[in-house]
Amino acid sequence: MKNSKPNDFAYMLSKFLSNHITGERNLSTNTVMSYRDTFKLLLAYLRDEKGLPPEKITLKDIDRRTVLDFINWLKSTRGSSASTCNQRLGAIHAFFEFVQYEMPEKIHDCHDVINTKTAKAPQAIISYLSLDGIKSILAMPDTATKSGRRDAMLLSLLYDTGARVQELVDITLGDVRFASPATIRLVGKGNKARIVPLLHGTENLLRVYMKDLSPHHFTDNSRPLFCNRGNEKFSRWGITYILKKYADAARTANPGLIPEKLSPHCFRHSKAMHLLQADVNLIYIRDLLGHTNIKTTEIYARADSSAKREALEKANPTPDAVQFPSWNTDAGLMEWLQNFGKK
């Protein structure tokens, strides 16, 4: 961009990450960290491929051609997929959308970057478990032990609510409501909250689990519902570890029923597919999952149709989806990004 001041990129990036997306847009921590990582990669690319030190970069250095070259570098050098490249490009678009409002004199140059097209990503295959697969995993925890009851509750709630793993991690005592009908409050992407009803079986498990909690745990409604052995809030990786533990056990007990690779998000996909197969309206499934647009939910309908078609084809041989630091100096921009979001 023309006539840019030496510090304009660093200043705008600091304002974008520290104030705009965390305060004004209230994006989730995971999204903020994804945006941060995008600009760490962009700075590394400009330094290594263009010979531009981070502290010397200005807005004029990042035009449409530079962005396209950066995306190609992600593909060729880092082996990034089309969907990953689109995420990186989306972060850059969001940044320049912010810049055009802060610096209207640069609106034309901003539009040039914003209009950079995304790469076409192949449609993702939805991985989900059968009802028998879900039941086999849920039967694995030893409910005679306190930790087993916690794990059984955790996995049951993950499936019953169709929650994203971060939503499960973030549930607090204050989000639980036992008054009929029992519900859980989940906070999803963009810090949007939704109320999800609980089935009676899950409600009963939750009541038993909460009896295991120590009395001091109930002194603060902001305390996490699920804690690890250190009495600290679970991480996403902790939930993944628990699921893997019981999936491995279920796979041994029931060969061929559980796939080798299984993530917590597969429980969310499984819940959606099972509801769809039970003829539950897509609008209800959309609201349960917290989708903003029904088109996002329709991927399950398409996946279900594909599964039915494949089954028919097999039978018939006829061919036919916080608080953050501020930056106010030129030196150390890469270091600032590196430490951004760390406590």
Foldseek 3Di string as FASTA:
>chain_A
DPPWDQCAVLQLVLCCLFDCCCPVLVWDPVLSLLLLVLVLLLQVCCCPPVVAHQLRDTPVVDFQVSLVVSLVCCCPVVVDALVSSVSSLVSLLVSLVSVCVVPVVCVVRSVRSNPNDGDDHPDDAQAAADPVLLVLLLVQQDCVDLVSLLLSLLSLCLQQLLEDLVQLLQFFQLQWDVPPQTWGWTQDGSRDIAIGTGDPVSSVSLVVNVVPDDPVSPPDRRQRSDADPVSHGDDLVNNQVSSLVSSVVSCVVPPPRGDPDDHSNNSSLHNLLVCVVVVNDLVVNCRSHVPPDSVQSCVSVVSVVVVVVVVVCVVPVDDDHDHWDGDDHSPPSSVRSVCTPPD
